[in-house]
Amino acid sequence: MQYAVEASGVAKTFVKKRSVGELVRHPFRRAERVRALRGVDLGVCAGEIFGLLGPNGAGKTTLLKILSCLVLPDTGRAVVGGEDTVQEGKVKPKIGLVHSDERSFYWRLSGRENLTFFSHLYDVPRRKMRARIDELLRRVDMHEDADRRFADYSSGMKQRLAIARALLHDPPILLMDEPTRSLDPASAMALRSFVRDELNGRDRKTILLATHNLREAETLCDRVAILVRGRIRRIGTVDEVRRWDAGERKFRLDVDRWPPGFRGPCRVLSEEEADGVRRVTIALERGGRLDGVLRALLDSGAAVHACDRIEPDLEEAFSRILESEPEAAS
């Protein structure tokens, strides 16, 4: 299968920067080397939203920099749109990079002037430039504020302009690095809707989304990979990843009453009154069976009105993966 974005054995090591004071105190000390990526393999299919998840320092941004031709890998190969990323001139027209670094804009220029400047860098034909900028400003709901200085924009407006910039040359692939970071909940929700409904749904863009927001990944992504200390630990659909080694099996029971001192093959996680019934959340003990719990409840005289399995969420799966890799959690 040919992927829209592919990494094969990608590794990258950086030399950690030293302060002037440290250089004066220890001029002959060998600089520390940081292994940001350790043999990363992944493939992103055309037209999907792929989530790259991991804690801070996992290597997400480094991988995006390699895929966007900003950094070369030490070993391995990265291919975007069928082109090796060492062929920068062939890859750049196929990608749009969205990140939350406001310093990449000119603060004294207006939003429209910024987009005009970057249009020249992206080789947007001059005869189409004005119409393209106007179209994108409308799509990201910035047309009424286009002539205000970038410095006066809110965080949400700056991020919408960053998306418009990435779309100037209409690339088929978008690389997005923490696009909702520092946004308020309403702005983040609007941005996620735009990514899902417009960029992926209408335009069929392939999107690689790096985030540590697990609920955002559950909402948006078709597949995800979990990156920890430079290695891919799990990869698959959201359902596949969150059900990996699911741990405790949890159920929600609606009963008329919960017997005092109940002794079944489970432990009670929570109890509450809801709609005239007792709603109890339980976790089965290791080796315990749900039918054993239900039988014990019926034998104690309780009536069970409903029983629902509680599926694990991505946050639980992420925690389990970190716990299963003790060296990654340090």
Protein backbone atom coordinates (compact mmCIF):
# COMPACT_ATOMS: atom_id res chain seq x y z
CA MET A 1 0.00 0.00 0.00
CA GLN A 2 1.24 3.47 -0.87
CA TYR A 3 0.66 5.93 1.95
CA ALA A 4 0.19 9.68 1.71
CA VAL A 5 2.68 10.04 4.58
CA GLU A 6 5.14 7.33 5.57
CA ALA A 7 8.04 7.01 7.99
CA SER A 8 10.36 3.98 7.97
CA GLY A 9 12.94 3.56 10.70
CA VAL A 10 13.20 7.32 11.26
CA ALA A 11 15.67 8.27 14.00
CA LYS A 12 16.96 11.65 15.15
CA THR A 13 19.42 12.69 17.87
CA PHE A 14 20.09 16.26 18.96
CA VAL A 15 22.95 17.74 20.94
CA LYS A 16 21.48 19.47 23.98
CA LYS A 17 22.29 23.17 24.11
CA ARG A 18 24.48 24.37 26.99
CA SER A 19 24.26 27.73 28.70
CA VAL A 20 27.18 30.18 28.66
CA GLY A 21 27.63 29.69 32.39
CA GLU A 22 27.85 25.92 32.00
CA LEU A 23 30.38 26.27 29.19
CA VAL A 24 32.53 28.50 31.41
CA ARG A 25 32.31 26.16 34.39
CA HIS A 26 32.77 22.93 32.43
CA PRO A 27 34.41 23.79 29.10
CA PHE A 28 35.57 20.23 28.40
CA ARG A 29 32.45 18.36 29.46
CA ARG A 30 30.94 16.39 26.61
CA ALA A 31 27.59 17.78 25.45
CA GLU A 32 24.55 15.66 26.29
CA ARG A 33 22.86 13.97 23.35
CA VAL A 34 19.07 13.59 23.27
CA ARG A 35 17.48 10.83 21.20
CA ALA A 36 14.27 12.43 19.98
CA LEU A 37 13.18 9.61 17.64
CA ARG A 38 14.21 5.96 17.80
CA GLY A 39 13.23 4.09 14.65
CA VAL A 40 9.71 5.39 13.99
CA ASP A 41 7.53 3.45 11.52
CA LEU A 42 4.07 4.66 10.53
CA GLY A 43 1.87 5.16 7.49
CA VAL A 44 -0.96 7.65 6.98
CA CYS A 45 -3.57 6.76 4.34
CA ALA A 46 -4.83 9.35 1.86
CA GLY A 47 -7.94 11.14 3.10
CA GLU A 48 -7.72 10.13 6.76
CA ILE A 49 -7.18 12.11 9.94
CA PHE A 50 -4.30 10.45 11.74
CA GLY A 51 -3.51 11.39 15.34
CA LEU A 52 0.04 11.39 16.68
CA LEU A 53 -0.32 11.22 20.46
CA GLY A 54 2.21 11.42 23.21
CA PRO A 55 3.34 13.32 26.30
CA ASN A 56 5.48 16.43 26.03
CA GLY A 57 8.96 15.53 24.82
CA ALA A 58 7.81 12.33 23.09
CA GLY A 59 9.13 13.43 19.68
CA LYS A 60 5.89 14.54 17.98
CA THR A 61 7.17 17.95 16.87
CA THR A 62 10.50 16.50 15.72
CA LEU A 63 8.69 13.99 13.50
CA LEU A 64 6.53 16.74 11.98
CA LYS A 65 9.63 18.82 11.30
CA ILE A 66 11.18 15.89 9.45
CA LEU A 67 8.00 15.32 7.42
CA SER A 68 7.85 19.03 6.54
CA CYS A 69 11.50 19.12 5.40
CA LEU A 70 12.65 21.37 8.24
CA VAL A 71 14.95 18.71 9.73
CA LEU A 72 16.70 15.74 8.14
CA PRO A 73 16.57 12.33 9.87
CA ASP A 74 19.84 10.76 11.00
CA THR A 75 18.68 7.38 9.74
CA GLY A 76 15.57 6.00 8.10
CA ARG A 77 13.36 7.45 5.40
CA ALA A 78 10.36 9.78 5.36
CA VAL A 79 8.09 9.98 2.31
CA VAL A 80 5.31 12.56 1.82
CA GLY A 81 3.05 12.53 -1.21
CA GLY A 82 5.23 9.88 -2.82
CA GLU A 83 8.40 11.97 -2.49
CA ASP A 84 11.35 11.51 -0.15
CA THR A 85 11.62 14.48 2.22
CA VAL A 86 15.24 15.04 1.15
CA GLN A 87 13.63 16.30 -2.10
CA GLU A 88 12.40 19.49 -0.46
CA GLY A 89 11.36 21.17 -3.67
CA LYS A 90 9.04 18.27 -4.54
CA VAL A 91 7.56 17.83 -1.06
CA LYS A 92 6.85 21.46 -0.06
CA PRO A 93 4.05 22.03 -2.65
CA LYS A 94 2.22 18.98 -1.25
CA ILE A 95 2.11 19.98 2.42
CA GLY A 96 0.71 22.72 4.59
CA LEU A 97 2.14 23.11 8.09
CA VAL A 98 -0.08 24.44 10.89
CA HIS A 99 1.56 25.17 14.23
CA SER A 100 0.92 27.44 17.18
CA ASP A 101 4.15 29.44 16.91
CA GLU A 102 2.93 33.02 16.50
CA ARG A 103 6.48 34.23 15.84
CA SER A 104 6.27 32.90 12.28
CA PHE A 105 3.94 35.81 11.39
CA TYR A 106 4.78 39.48 11.03
CA TRP A 107 3.05 41.18 13.93
CA ARG A 108 3.02 44.69 12.44
CA LEU A 109 1.33 43.51 9.25
CA SER A 110 -2.37 42.85 8.89
CA GLY A 111 -3.76 39.37 8.40
CA ARG A 112 -4.27 40.07 4.70
CA GLU A 113 -0.73 41.45 4.30
CA ASN A 114 0.70 38.37 6.01
CA LEU A 115 -1.18 36.07 3.63
CA THR A 116 -0.01 38.13 0.65
CA PHE A 117 3.59 37.83 1.77
CA PHE A 118 3.35 34.05 2.22
CA SER A 119 1.50 33.69 -1.10
CA HIS A 120 4.64 34.94 -2.84
CA LEU A 121 6.76 32.43 -0.90
CA TYR A 122 4.37 29.60 -1.86
CA ASP A 123 4.41 30.63 -5.55
CA VAL A 124 0.69 31.31 -5.71
CA PRO A 125 0.09 32.79 -9.21
CA ARG A 126 -0.20 36.57 -8.96
CA ARG A 127 -3.39 36.66 -11.04
CA LYS A 128 -5.10 34.29 -8.57
CA MET A 129 -3.58 35.63 -5.36
CA ARG A 130 -6.21 38.18 -4.33
CA ALA A 131 -9.14 35.84 -5.02
CA ARG A 132 -7.44 32.96 -3.16
CA ILE A 133 -6.72 35.10 -0.10
CA ASP A 134 -10.28 36.46 -0.02
CA GLU A 135 -11.69 32.93 -0.31
CA LEU A 136 -9.58 31.62 2.56
CA LEU A 137 -10.31 34.60 4.79
CA ARG A 138 -14.02 33.88 4.35
CA ARG A 139 -13.59 30.16 4.98
CA VAL A 140 -11.78 30.70 8.29
CA ASP A 141 -14.19 33.52 9.23
CA MET A 142 -11.50 36.21 9.19
CA HIS A 143 -12.77 38.40 6.34
CA GLU A 144 -14.10 41.12 8.67
CA ASP A 145 -10.79 41.32 10.57
CA ALA A 146 -8.42 40.82 7.64
CA ASP A 147 -7.06 44.37 7.71
CA ARG A 148 -6.36 44.52 11.45
CA ARG A 149 -2.78 44.09 12.67
CA PHE A 150 -1.81 40.54 13.52
CA ALA A 151 -0.61 41.78 16.93
CA ASP A 152 -4.20 42.70 17.81
CA TYR A 153 -5.65 39.25 17.07
CA SER A 154 -6.86 36.84 19.74
CA SER A 155 -5.28 33.39 20.01
CA GLY A 156 -8.20 31.85 18.11
CA MET A 157 -7.89 34.39 15.28
CA LYS A 158 -4.14 33.82 15.00
CA GLN A 159 -4.71 30.08 14.73
CA ARG A 160 -7.38 30.51 12.04
CA LEU A 161 -4.98 32.68 10.08
CA ALA A 162 -2.32 29.96 10.45
CA ILE A 163 -4.74 27.49 8.83
CA ALA A 164 -5.46 29.94 6.01
CA ARG A 165 -1.71 30.31 5.41
CA ALA A 166 -1.27 26.53 5.23
CA LEU A 167 -4.04 26.34 2.60
CA LEU A 168 -2.74 29.11 0.30
CA HIS A 169 -1.25 26.70 -2.25
CA ASP A 170 -4.06 24.14 -1.77
CA PRO A 171 -1.86 21.23 -0.57
CA PRO A 172 -3.38 17.73 -0.33
CA ILE A 173 -1.67 17.05 3.02
CA LEU A 174 -1.84 19.07 6.25
CA LEU A 175 0.57 18.61 9.16
CA MET A 176 -0.93 20.13 12.32
CA ASP A 177 1.11 20.54 15.51
CA GLU A 178 -1.07 21.11 18.61
CA PRO A 179 -3.52 23.35 16.69
CA THR A 180 -5.85 23.94 19.65
CA ARG A 181 -3.17 24.65 22.24
CA SER A 182 -3.82 27.91 24.13
CA LEU A 183 -7.33 28.23 22.66
CA ASP A 184 -10.39 28.71 24.84
CA PRO A 185 -12.95 25.83 24.78
CA ALA A 186 -15.30 27.54 22.30
CA SER A 187 -12.48 28.39 19.86
CA ALA A 188 -11.04 24.89 20.16
CA MET A 189 -14.44 23.32 19.44
CA ALA A 190 -14.95 25.56 16.39
CA LEU A 191 -11.49 24.70 15.07
CA ARG A 192 -12.07 20.96 15.50
CA SER A 193 -15.35 21.23 13.59
CA PHE A 194 -13.60 23.10 10.78
CA VAL A 195 -10.89 20.45 10.56
CA ARG A 196 -13.38 17.56 10.54
CA ASP A 197 -16.18 19.00 8.40
CA GLU A 198 -14.35 21.35 6.03
CA LEU A 199 -10.72 20.34 5.63
CA ASN A 200 -11.25 16.58 5.80
CA GLY A 201 -14.95 16.19 5.03
CA ARG A 202 -15.32 18.66 2.15
CA ASP A 203 -11.77 19.07 0.85
CA ARG A 204 -10.66 15.47 1.57
CA LYS A 205 -7.32 16.66 2.92
CA THR A 206 -5.06 14.08 4.51
CA ILE A 207 -4.35 15.36 8.03
CA LEU A 208 -1.60 14.32 10.43
CA LEU A 209 -2.51 15.82 13.80
CA ALA A 210 0.03 15.90 16.62
CA THR A 211 -1.65 16.46 19.97
CA HIS A 212 -1.54 15.53 23.65
CA ASN A 213 -5.28 16.22 23.92
CA LEU A 214 -6.70 12.70 23.99
CA ARG A 215 -10.35 13.74 23.82
CA GLU A 216 -9.54 15.79 20.74
CA ALA A 217 -8.01 12.70 19.13
CA GLU A 218 -11.08 10.59 20.00
CA THR A 219 -13.32 13.21 18.40
CA LEU A 220 -11.35 13.74 15.19
CA CYS A 221 -9.09 10.85 14.30
CA ASP A 222 -9.66 7.74 12.19
CA ARG A 223 -6.45 6.15 13.48
CA VAL A 224 -3.87 7.10 16.09
CA ALA A 225 -0.32 6.24 17.05
CA ILE A 226 1.03 6.67 20.58
CA LEU A 227 4.60 7.95 20.65
CA VAL A 228 6.59 7.66 23.88
CA ARG A 229 10.25 8.65 24.18
CA GLY A 230 10.74 8.54 20.44
CA ARG A 231 9.13 5.12 19.83
CA ILE A 232 5.71 4.14 18.52
CA ARG A 233 4.09 2.06 21.29
CA ARG A 234 0.66 1.45 19.75
CA ILE A 235 -0.99 2.17 16.42
CA GLY A 236 -4.50 1.48 15.13
CA THR A 237 -8.05 2.82 15.12
CA VAL A 238 -9.18 4.69 18.21
CA ASP A 239 -11.28 1.65 19.24
CA GLU A 240 -8.35 -0.74 18.76
CA VAL A 241 -5.99 1.37 20.85
CA ARG A 242 -8.38 2.08 23.70
CA ARG A 243 -9.34 -1.62 23.98
CA TRP A 244 -5.71 -2.74 24.10
CA ASP A 245 -5.17 -4.72 27.31
CA ALA A 246 -8.43 -3.26 28.56
CA GLY A 247 -7.62 -4.03 32.19
CA GLU A 248 -10.63 -3.83 34.48
CA ARG A 249 -14.01 -4.63 32.96
CA LYS A 250 -16.49 -2.03 34.14
CA PHE A 251 -20.29 -2.12 34.13
CA ARG A 252 -23.09 0.24 35.07
CA LEU A 253 -26.04 -1.43 36.81
CA ASP A 254 -29.48 0.05 37.51
CA VAL A 255 -30.97 -1.76 40.52
CA ASP A 256 -33.86 -1.09 42.88
CA ARG A 257 -31.43 -1.34 45.79
CA TRP A 258 -27.84 -2.34 46.48
CA PRO A 259 -27.71 -5.02 49.19
CA PRO A 260 -25.78 -3.92 52.31
CA GLY A 261 -22.51 -5.80 52.64
CA PHE A 262 -22.91 -7.31 49.16
CA ARG A 263 -20.13 -9.84 48.49
CA GLY A 264 -19.85 -10.57 44.77
CA PRO A 265 -16.86 -10.97 42.40
CA CYS A 266 -16.61 -7.19 41.94
CA ARG A 267 -15.83 -3.92 43.66
CA VAL A 268 -18.06 -0.87 43.68
CA LEU A 269 -16.60 2.24 42.05
CA SER A 270 -19.52 4.62 42.53
CA GLU A 271 -23.19 4.79 43.52
CA GLU A 272 -25.86 7.39 42.79
CA GLU A 273 -29.61 7.84 42.63
CA ALA A 274 -30.91 8.39 39.08
CA ASP A 275 -34.47 8.32 37.74
CA GLY A 276 -35.78 6.51 40.82
CA VAL A 277 -33.24 3.68 40.68
CA ARG A 278 -29.87 3.01 42.26
CA ARG A 279 -27.12 3.38 39.63
CA VAL A 280 -23.99 1.47 40.61
CA THR A 281 -20.70 1.32 38.70
CA ILE A 282 -18.68 -1.83 39.33
CA ALA A 283 -15.39 -3.34 38.21
CA LEU A 284 -15.12 -7.10 37.96
CA GLU A 285 -12.37 -8.71 39.98
CA ARG A 286 -9.69 -10.62 38.09
CA GLY A 287 -11.32 -13.81 36.86
CA GLY A 288 -14.76 -12.56 37.90
CA ARG A 289 -17.79 -12.97 35.63
CA LEU A 290 -20.73 -10.65 35.16
CA ASP A 291 -23.25 -13.47 35.40
CA GLY A 292 -21.82 -14.30 38.84
CA VAL A 293 -22.51 -10.71 39.99
CA LEU A 294 -26.04 -10.73 38.57
CA ARG A 295 -26.83 -14.09 40.12
CA ALA A 296 -25.58 -12.93 43.52
CA LEU A 297 -27.71 -9.77 43.28
CA LEU A 298 -30.84 -11.74 42.37
CA ASP A 299 -30.18 -14.21 45.21
CA SER A 300 -30.00 -11.27 47.63
CA GLY A 301 -33.43 -10.06 46.49
CA ALA A 302 -32.32 -7.10 44.36
CA ALA A 303 -34.00 -6.38 41.02
CA VAL A 304 -31.66 -5.47 38.11
CA HIS A 305 -33.32 -3.09 35.62
CA ALA A 306 -30.38 -2.44 33.27
CA CYS A 307 -26.77 -3.47 32.76
CA ASP A 308 -24.34 -1.67 30.41
CA ARG A 309 -20.68 -2.27 29.65
CA ILE A 310 -18.51 0.83 30.11
CA GLU A 311 -16.01 0.93 27.27
CA PRO A 312 -12.51 2.19 28.14
CA ASP A 313 -11.64 5.63 26.79
CA LEU A 314 -8.43 6.70 25.10
CA GLU A 315 -7.14 8.37 28.25
CA GLU A 316 -7.32 5.08 30.17
CA ALA A 317 -5.54 3.26 27.33
CA PHE A 318 -2.85 5.94 27.21
CA SER A 319 -2.24 5.58 30.95
CA ARG A 320 -2.01 1.78 30.64
CA ILE A 321 0.51 2.08 27.82
CA LEU A 322 2.69 4.43 29.85
CA GLU A 323 2.49 2.12 32.86
CA SER A 324 3.47 -0.87 30.71
CA GLU A 325 6.65 0.94 29.63
CA PRO A 326 8.41 1.80 32.90
CA GLU A 327 11.40 3.31 31.14
CA ALA A 328 9.06 5.59 29.16
CA ALA A 329 7.36 6.96 32.21
CA SER A 330 10.60 8.15 33.77
